[in-house]
Amino acid sequence: MLTALLGVAALAVPGQGVAHAAGYDGLIDLAPSNADAEAIGGLDPRLPTDPAVLGTALSSARADGIAPVRYSALLHQYWLARGAEASGIDLATWDPNAGLIANATVVDRVYENYGRYQRERVELYWSGMAGMAGGSFAAGFWDLDMGRTVLDVDAIHALGNSVASSIRGLPAEALSLLPSDVRTLATIGPSITAEDVDWYQKRLLMMQKHIYFDMVPMHEAYLNGGRAAVEEFAAARLLDDNARIAWEGVFSGTKSGYADALFRMASREQNQIIADQWDTTSAARDGVGRALTYATTVAAQPSVPGSRSPGKAAPLSVTGYIDGRQLRLRAPLPGFNWADRKPRWEYIVSDIAPSYQRLVETRPGEMHAILAMPFRDFVDTQRIVRRIPDLVRDLSTGWELVEAQ
């Protein structure tokens, strides 16, 4: 009805750009149905995925003086399609629900594209960190797939059994001190199924796509249109205050501005874009979500040089009273689950992001060398299957129950 009324109004007003209106008819005033990137294709099935078609419609809307807020979805999809084309990704067929094997090349190209942004423009710290940190993220994809498909190499079961074995060695009274995630990994981890892992992989693929949907359009616009192109995103209300300040840091031409943008964009990524999806994932499947998110926290080895694993950055140490005595339990495990918002952000802001900032500012040659590697080769250096025996051994030692001082 709205489309029909707009068409009548166009015919009734002398001098109205009817030819232009046909170029964007049905493509403005849209609320995207796939904004969270959990389905196949782009932001909305009503929007084309061909950059040329989108560009023509967008030019017509601009020429007719349509307010940017009305063509925000069209603008977003245009730069998303441009970014996907530059990445070598077919936006129309991108489907996280198809699983890892079907998306293997897409996973690689997502992170290669982030690295491309950083290699081309020194000021784009966030994209460089995303491309580099993606090495451990993608390695986790492949390790999960190996655990799902190769029966004699099952990292999830090995981790769960190792933790369960260590718990059995604790005094009975100490069990009450164990965080719930540790108990969940020990009880549910050994019985995780192939279907559980397949589900979890798809959840991670959705989050990867969602971040790409949010970050790539504005970065692609900046590379091709500079500040004015990013300001059009702001005019279309696609950027909130935090994002606008982040881009001001990019525009500043200063290392302090670039670093501020790094932390602000990382916050947008983790605390706004995928925060709800992490919550949904960790709460799902009667404890399976918690077991898998904690298992991948335990196994994580960040690929940004200088950053520490979660278990090293925030080791498990809990204190409580048992039979009138104050005891402290220490274990070679992370003291948090990175599916949880606050500790995930504390870990990123205190460890991964500062490590990347130091790398890009003090060792740019090393940064460029890592980001220039064929991505699959880089991923292979991060695979947990290369170190699973050592990891299982480490999880079996270092448990300590002592009087709290």
Protein backbone atom coordinates (compact mmCIF):
# COMPACT_ATOMS: atom_id res chain seq x y z
CA MET A 1 0.00 0.00 0.00
CA LEU A 2 2.82 2.39 0.87
CA THR A 3 4.48 1.66 -2.48
CA ALA A 4 1.21 2.33 -4.31
CA LEU A 5 0.64 5.61 -2.48
CA LEU A 6 4.18 6.76 -3.26
CA GLY A 7 3.60 5.92 -6.93
CA VAL A 8 0.38 7.96 -6.99
CA ALA A 9 2.12 10.88 -5.31
CA ALA A 10 4.93 10.73 -7.89
CA LEU A 11 2.41 10.98 -10.73
CA ALA A 12 0.51 13.81 -9.08
CA VAL A 13 3.46 16.14 -8.44
CA PRO A 14 4.69 18.05 -11.53
CA GLY A 15 8.38 17.61 -12.25
CA GLN A 16 8.75 14.57 -9.96
CA GLY A 17 11.63 12.27 -11.08
CA VAL A 18 9.48 9.30 -11.99
CA ALA A 19 12.29 7.58 -13.93
CA HIS A 20 14.52 7.82 -10.90
CA ALA A 21 11.86 6.50 -8.57
CA ALA A 22 11.62 3.31 -10.62
CA GLY A 23 15.30 2.68 -9.85
CA TYR A 24 14.74 2.35 -6.13
CA ASP A 25 11.05 1.45 -5.97
CA GLY A 26 10.62 -1.04 -3.13
CA LEU A 27 14.22 -0.59 -1.95
CA ILE A 28 13.76 2.24 0.54
CA ASP A 29 12.12 2.39 3.97
CA LEU A 30 13.18 -1.21 4.58
CA ALA A 31 13.84 -2.85 7.93
CA PRO A 32 16.24 -5.68 6.99
CA SER A 33 14.96 -9.13 7.89
CA ASN A 34 18.44 -10.71 7.99
CA ALA A 35 20.25 -8.01 9.93
CA ASP A 36 21.71 -10.64 12.30
CA ALA A 37 23.11 -12.57 9.30
CA GLU A 38 21.71 -15.91 10.41
CA ALA A 39 20.09 -16.76 7.05
CA ILE A 40 21.32 -17.14 3.49
CA GLY A 41 22.09 -14.07 1.39
CA GLY A 42 22.38 -10.41 2.23
CA LEU A 43 20.54 -8.10 4.60
CA ASP A 44 17.12 -8.79 3.13
CA PRO A 45 15.79 -10.91 0.24
CA ARG A 46 14.02 -7.84 -1.15
CA LEU A 47 17.39 -6.20 -1.82
CA PRO A 48 19.50 -7.19 -4.86
CA THR A 49 22.98 -8.57 -4.25
CA ASP A 50 24.50 -7.26 -7.49
CA PRO A 51 26.61 -4.17 -6.66
CA ALA A 52 25.87 -2.59 -10.05
CA VAL A 53 22.11 -2.84 -9.60
CA LEU A 54 22.35 -1.58 -6.04
CA GLY A 55 24.61 1.29 -7.13
CA THR A 56 22.13 2.43 -9.77
CA ALA A 57 19.25 2.39 -7.28
CA LEU A 58 21.33 4.22 -4.69
CA SER A 59 22.37 6.92 -7.17
CA SER A 60 18.73 7.45 -8.11
CA ALA A 61 17.68 7.80 -4.48
CA ARG A 62 20.42 10.34 -3.85
CA ALA A 63 19.56 12.27 -7.03
CA ASP A 64 15.92 12.50 -5.98
CA GLY A 65 16.88 13.91 -2.60
CA ILE A 66 15.66 10.93 -0.59
CA ALA A 67 16.79 11.28 3.03
CA PRO A 68 19.67 8.90 3.83
CA VAL A 69 17.74 7.40 6.73
CA ARG A 70 15.12 6.18 4.24
CA TYR A 71 17.68 4.42 2.02
CA SER A 72 19.83 3.14 4.89
CA ALA A 73 19.24 -0.56 4.08
CA LEU A 74 20.00 0.07 0.40
CA LEU A 75 23.19 1.93 1.32
CA HIS A 76 24.24 -0.80 3.74
CA GLN A 77 23.57 -3.56 1.20
CA TYR A 78 25.40 -1.69 -1.55
CA TRP A 79 28.65 -1.44 0.39
CA LEU A 80 28.18 -4.96 1.75
CA ALA A 81 27.89 -6.25 -1.81
CA ARG A 82 30.92 -4.21 -2.86
CA GLY A 83 32.89 -5.66 0.04
CA ALA A 84 31.76 -9.21 -0.71
CA GLU A 85 32.76 -8.80 -4.35
CA ALA A 86 36.18 -7.48 -3.32
CA SER A 87 36.52 -10.42 -0.91
CA GLY A 88 35.64 -12.99 -3.56
CA ILE A 89 32.47 -14.00 -1.69
CA ASP A 90 29.12 -14.68 -3.37
CA LEU A 91 26.77 -12.77 -1.09
CA ALA A 92 23.62 -14.33 -2.56
CA THR A 93 24.68 -17.89 -1.65
CA TRP A 94 26.44 -17.24 1.66
CA ASP A 95 24.65 -19.55 4.09
CA PRO A 96 26.05 -20.22 7.58
CA ASN A 97 23.46 -22.97 8.02
CA ALA A 98 25.22 -25.01 5.33
CA GLY A 99 28.04 -25.78 7.78
CA LEU A 100 31.81 -25.53 7.72
CA ILE A 101 32.76 -27.55 4.66
CA ALA A 102 30.39 -25.58 2.44
CA ASN A 103 31.71 -22.33 3.92
CA ALA A 104 35.41 -23.18 4.14
CA THR A 105 36.49 -20.82 1.37
CA VAL A 106 34.21 -18.09 2.68
CA VAL A 107 35.78 -18.35 6.16
CA ASP A 108 39.23 -17.88 4.64
CA ARG A 109 38.17 -14.93 2.50
CA VAL A 110 36.49 -13.12 5.36
CA TYR A 111 39.76 -12.93 7.29
CA GLU A 112 41.92 -12.37 4.24
CA ASN A 113 39.76 -9.33 3.47
CA TYR A 114 40.24 -7.90 6.96
CA GLY A 115 43.98 -8.30 6.49
CA ARG A 116 43.76 -6.59 3.11
CA TYR A 117 42.25 -3.49 4.70
CA GLN A 118 45.09 -3.26 7.21
CA ARG A 119 47.79 -3.85 4.62
CA GLU A 120 46.36 -1.15 2.38
CA ARG A 121 45.67 1.42 5.11
CA VAL A 122 47.83 1.62 8.20
CA GLU A 123 45.13 3.41 10.19
CA LEU A 124 42.69 0.47 10.11
CA TYR A 125 43.92 -1.25 13.26
CA TRP A 126 40.68 -3.08 14.00
CA SER A 127 40.60 -4.87 10.66
CA GLY A 128 44.19 -6.04 11.08
CA MET A 129 43.44 -7.42 14.52
CA ALA A 130 40.30 -9.12 13.19
CA GLY A 131 42.23 -10.71 10.34
CA MET A 132 44.97 -11.94 12.64
CA ALA A 133 42.77 -13.10 15.50
CA GLY A 134 40.73 -14.93 12.89
CA GLY A 135 43.57 -17.43 12.60
CA SER A 136 42.78 -18.99 15.96
CA PHE A 137 39.03 -18.61 15.38
CA ALA A 138 39.21 -20.46 12.06
CA ALA A 139 41.53 -23.06 13.54
CA GLY A 140 38.82 -23.71 16.09
CA PHE A 141 36.35 -24.30 13.27
CA TRP A 142 38.58 -26.97 11.75
CA ASP A 143 39.44 -28.56 15.08
CA LEU A 144 35.75 -28.84 15.89
CA ASP A 145 35.15 -30.40 12.51
CA MET A 146 37.90 -32.94 13.06
CA GLY A 147 36.39 -33.72 16.46
CA ARG A 148 33.06 -34.24 14.73
CA THR A 149 34.18 -36.39 11.84
CA VAL A 150 37.31 -38.30 12.94
CA LEU A 151 36.48 -40.68 15.75
CA ASP A 152 40.02 -41.20 17.03
CA VAL A 153 40.77 -37.46 17.32
CA ASP A 154 38.06 -35.89 19.47
CA ALA A 155 39.28 -32.76 21.20
CA ILE A 156 36.02 -32.03 23.01
CA HIS A 157 35.82 -35.49 24.57
CA ALA A 158 39.50 -35.38 25.49
CA LEU A 159 39.12 -32.05 27.26
CA GLY A 160 36.00 -33.16 29.09
CA ASN A 161 37.54 -36.43 30.21
CA SER A 162 40.73 -34.72 31.33
CA VAL A 163 38.86 -32.23 33.50
CA ALA A 164 36.56 -34.97 34.85
CA SER A 165 39.59 -37.06 35.82
CA SER A 166 41.18 -34.13 37.65
CA ILE A 167 37.96 -33.38 39.52
CA ARG A 168 37.79 -36.97 40.74
CA GLY A 169 41.16 -36.42 42.36
CA LEU A 170 39.91 -33.54 44.51
CA PRO A 171 38.70 -33.97 48.07
CA ALA A 172 34.92 -34.27 48.12
CA GLU A 173 34.52 -31.08 50.14
CA ALA A 174 36.34 -29.07 47.46
CA LEU A 175 33.78 -29.81 44.76
CA SER A 176 31.54 -27.02 46.01
CA LEU A 177 34.23 -24.50 45.05
CA LEU A 178 34.24 -25.48 41.38
CA PRO A 179 32.57 -23.00 39.02
CA SER A 180 29.56 -24.40 37.19
CA ASP A 181 31.29 -24.27 33.78
CA VAL A 182 34.01 -26.62 34.98
CA ARG A 183 31.46 -29.10 36.28
CA THR A 184 29.46 -28.81 33.05
CA LEU A 185 32.50 -29.50 30.88
CA ALA A 186 33.38 -32.51 33.03
CA THR A 187 29.88 -34.00 32.96
CA ILE A 188 28.59 -33.04 29.50
CA GLY A 189 31.83 -32.68 27.53
CA PRO A 190 32.56 -36.42 27.26
CA SER A 191 29.10 -37.06 25.75
CA ILE A 192 28.99 -34.20 23.21
CA THR A 193 27.60 -35.52 19.91
CA ALA A 194 28.39 -34.85 16.27
CA GLU A 195 25.08 -33.03 15.98
CA ASP A 196 26.00 -30.78 18.93
CA VAL A 197 29.30 -29.80 17.33
CA ASP A 198 27.63 -29.21 13.96
CA TRP A 199 25.11 -26.91 15.64
CA TYR A 200 27.87 -25.00 17.44
CA GLN A 201 29.90 -24.55 14.27
CA LYS A 202 26.88 -23.04 12.57
CA ARG A 203 26.36 -20.65 15.48
CA LEU A 204 29.98 -19.48 15.12
CA LEU A 205 29.55 -19.10 11.36
CA MET A 206 26.52 -16.89 11.95
CA MET A 207 28.48 -14.65 14.30
CA GLN A 208 31.35 -14.41 11.84
CA LYS A 209 28.93 -13.37 9.10
CA HIS A 210 27.19 -10.87 11.40
CA ILE A 211 30.46 -9.09 12.20
CA TYR A 212 31.29 -9.00 8.49
CA PHE A 213 27.85 -7.54 7.71
CA ASP A 214 28.43 -4.75 10.20
CA MET A 215 32.09 -3.90 9.75
CA VAL A 216 32.89 -4.56 6.09
CA PRO A 217 30.37 -2.11 4.54
CA MET A 218 31.72 0.88 6.45
CA HIS A 219 35.34 -0.14 5.83
CA GLU A 220 34.73 -0.75 2.14
CA ALA A 221 33.00 2.64 1.92
CA TYR A 222 35.98 4.31 3.61
CA LEU A 223 38.49 2.71 1.24
CA ASN A 224 36.54 3.76 -1.83
CA GLY A 225 34.85 6.98 -0.75
CA GLY A 226 36.84 8.29 2.17
CA ARG A 227 35.38 10.31 4.99
CA ALA A 228 32.34 11.45 3.01
CA ALA A 229 31.26 7.85 2.44
CA VAL A 230 31.47 7.06 6.15
CA GLU A 231 29.57 10.22 6.98
CA GLU A 232 26.76 9.02 4.73
CA PHE A 233 26.53 5.96 7.01
CA ALA A 234 26.14 8.33 9.96
CA ALA A 235 23.48 10.34 8.12
CA ALA A 236 21.62 7.08 7.45
CA ARG A 237 21.78 6.31 11.20
CA LEU A 238 23.85 3.23 10.64
CA LEU A 239 26.48 4.46 13.12
CA ASP A 240 25.87 5.16 16.79
CA ASP A 241 27.90 7.60 18.89
CA ASN A 242 30.61 5.05 19.68
CA ALA A 243 31.08 4.16 16.01
CA ARG A 244 31.16 7.80 14.92
CA ILE A 245 33.83 8.58 17.52
CA ALA A 246 35.79 5.53 16.35
CA TRP A 247 35.82 6.82 12.79
CA GLU A 248 36.90 10.25 14.00
CA GLY A 249 39.93 8.44 15.43
CA VAL A 250 40.61 6.89 12.02
CA PHE A 251 40.28 10.31 10.37
CA SER A 252 42.61 11.92 12.95
CA GLY A 253 45.82 10.77 11.30
CA THR A 254 47.33 9.97 14.73
CA LYS A 255 48.35 6.70 16.34
CA SER A 256 46.34 7.57 19.43
CA GLY A 257 43.27 8.06 17.26
CA TYR A 258 43.87 4.76 15.46
CA ALA A 259 44.24 2.97 18.81
CA ASP A 260 41.06 4.53 20.15
CA ALA A 261 39.24 3.34 17.03
CA LEU A 262 40.66 -0.17 17.56
CA PHE A 263 39.17 -0.44 21.05
CA ARG A 264 35.87 1.21 20.12
CA MET A 265 35.34 -1.01 17.09
CA ALA A 266 36.28 -4.09 19.09
CA SER A 267 33.69 -3.05 21.67
CA ARG A 268 31.08 -2.60 18.95
CA GLU A 269 31.90 -6.04 17.56
CA GLN A 270 31.77 -7.88 20.89
CA ASN A 271 29.39 -5.86 23.04
CA GLN A 272 26.83 -4.85 20.44
CA ILE A 273 26.93 -6.93 17.27
CA ILE A 274 27.29 -10.51 18.52
CA ALA A 275 26.63 -10.20 22.26
CA ASP A 276 23.06 -11.50 22.02
CA GLN A 277 24.14 -14.35 19.76
CA TRP A 278 26.75 -15.46 22.28
CA ASP A 279 24.09 -15.36 25.01
CA THR A 280 21.73 -17.49 22.94
CA THR A 281 24.47 -19.97 22.04
CA SER A 282 25.73 -20.49 25.58
CA ALA A 283 22.21 -20.97 26.98
CA ALA A 284 21.13 -23.55 24.39
CA ARG A 285 20.73 -27.33 24.34
CA ASP A 286 20.49 -28.08 28.08
CA GLY A 287 24.10 -27.37 29.01
CA VAL A 288 25.71 -28.30 25.70
CA GLY A 289 26.09 -24.61 24.83
CA ARG A 290 27.92 -23.92 28.08
CA ALA A 291 30.12 -27.00 27.68
CA LEU A 292 31.15 -26.11 24.14
CA THR A 293 31.73 -22.42 24.78
CA TYR A 294 33.84 -23.24 27.83
CA ALA A 295 35.73 -26.01 26.01
CA THR A 296 36.71 -23.60 23.26
CA THR A 297 37.75 -21.07 25.90
CA VAL A 298 39.99 -23.70 27.48
CA ALA A 299 41.50 -24.67 24.13
CA ALA A 300 41.95 -21.15 22.75
CA GLN A 301 45.43 -19.98 21.80
CA PRO A 302 45.17 -16.43 20.39
CA SER A 303 47.08 -15.89 17.17
CA VAL A 304 48.01 -12.26 17.88
CA PRO A 305 51.70 -12.28 18.92
CA GLY A 306 52.15 -11.35 22.55
CA SER A 307 48.63 -12.24 23.62
CA ARG A 308 48.03 -14.94 26.20
CA SER A 309 45.60 -17.82 26.25
CA PRO A 310 42.52 -17.33 28.47
CA GLY A 311 43.92 -19.77 31.02
CA LYS A 312 47.13 -17.75 31.29
CA ALA A 313 45.48 -14.32 31.24
CA ALA A 314 42.80 -15.16 33.81
CA PRO A 315 43.51 -18.52 35.48
CA LEU A 316 40.91 -20.17 37.64
CA SER A 317 41.31 -19.25 41.31
CA VAL A 318 38.34 -19.46 43.66
CA THR A 319 38.09 -19.07 47.43
CA GLY A 320 35.48 -20.37 49.83
CA TYR A 321 34.83 -21.67 53.32
CA ILE A 322 34.72 -25.41 53.92
CA ASP A 323 34.22 -26.76 57.44
CA GLY A 324 35.16 -23.39 58.87
CA ARG A 325 38.38 -23.11 56.87
CA GLN A 326 38.97 -20.62 54.07
CA LEU A 327 40.43 -22.52 51.12
CA ARG A 328 41.61 -21.49 47.68
CA LEU A 329 41.30 -23.77 44.67
CA ARG A 330 43.59 -23.11 41.71
CA ALA A 331 43.36 -24.97 38.41
CA PRO A 332 45.05 -24.79 34.96
CA LEU A 333 41.78 -23.59 33.44
CA PRO A 334 40.36 -20.21 32.42
CA GLY A 335 38.47 -18.48 35.19
CA PHE A 336 35.80 -17.36 32.71
CA ASN A 337 33.77 -18.46 29.72
CA TRP A 338 34.22 -16.19 26.70
CA ALA A 339 30.56 -16.53 25.85
CA ASP A 340 29.95 -14.19 28.80
CA ARG A 341 30.01 -10.50 27.96
CA LYS A 342 31.93 -8.87 30.80
CA PRO A 343 34.88 -11.29 31.12
CA ARG A 344 35.14 -11.65 27.32
CA TRP A 345 35.52 -7.90 26.98
CA GLU A 346 37.94 -7.67 29.89
CA TYR A 347 40.10 -10.31 28.22
CA ILE A 348 40.08 -8.55 24.85
CA VAL A 349 40.69 -5.07 26.23
CA SER A 350 43.45 -6.18 28.61
CA ASP A 351 45.27 -8.68 26.42
CA ILE A 352 44.44 -9.19 22.74
CA ALA A 353 43.82 -5.58 21.67
CA PRO A 354 46.87 -4.11 23.48
CA SER A 355 49.02 -6.89 22.04
CA TYR A 356 47.87 -6.03 18.53
CA GLN A 357 48.39 -2.33 19.12
CA ARG A 358 51.98 -2.98 20.21
CA LEU A 359 52.55 -5.20 17.19
CA VAL A 360 51.23 -2.77 14.59
CA GLU A 361 53.01 0.23 16.11
CA THR A 362 56.37 -1.29 17.00
CA ARG A 363 56.75 -4.27 14.64
CA PRO A 364 54.83 -3.37 11.47
CA GLY A 365 57.00 -5.65 9.35
CA GLU A 366 55.98 -8.68 11.42
CA MET A 367 52.34 -7.59 11.21
CA HIS A 368 52.49 -7.34 7.43
CA ALA A 369 54.25 -10.69 7.12
CA ILE A 370 51.56 -12.48 9.13
CA LEU A 371 48.67 -10.84 7.29
CA ALA A 372 50.30 -11.58 3.93
CA MET A 373 50.50 -15.34 4.60
CA PRO A 374 48.03 -17.58 2.74
CA PHE A 375 45.29 -17.71 5.34
CA ARG A 376 44.91 -21.48 5.41
CA ASP A 377 48.66 -21.84 6.03
CA PHE A 378 48.36 -19.39 8.93
CA VAL A 379 45.41 -21.32 10.33
CA ASP A 380 47.36 -24.57 10.22
CA THR A 381 49.94 -23.07 12.60
CA GLN A 382 47.16 -22.45 15.13
CA ARG A 383 45.51 -25.88 15.13
CA ILE A 384 44.89 -27.37 18.56
CA VAL A 385 45.29 -30.89 17.16
CA ARG A 386 49.00 -30.14 16.98
CA ARG A 387 49.12 -29.61 20.72
CA ILE A 388 46.21 -31.62 22.13
CA PRO A 389 48.46 -34.13 23.98
CA ASP A 390 50.30 -31.28 25.70
CA LEU A 391 47.05 -29.49 26.49
CA VAL A 392 45.45 -32.58 28.02
CA ARG A 393 48.60 -33.18 30.09
CA ASP A 394 48.59 -29.56 31.28
CA LEU A 395 44.94 -29.82 32.30
CA SER A 396 45.76 -32.88 34.39
CA THR A 397 48.40 -31.12 36.47
CA GLY A 398 48.57 -27.91 38.45
CA TRP A 399 45.38 -28.42 40.48
CA GLU A 400 45.94 -27.04 43.98
CA LEU A 401 43.76 -26.76 47.08
CA VAL A 402 45.42 -24.69 49.82
CA GLU A 403 44.64 -22.57 52.85
CA ALA A 404 43.76 -19.05 51.71
CA GLN A 405 46.17 -16.43 52.97
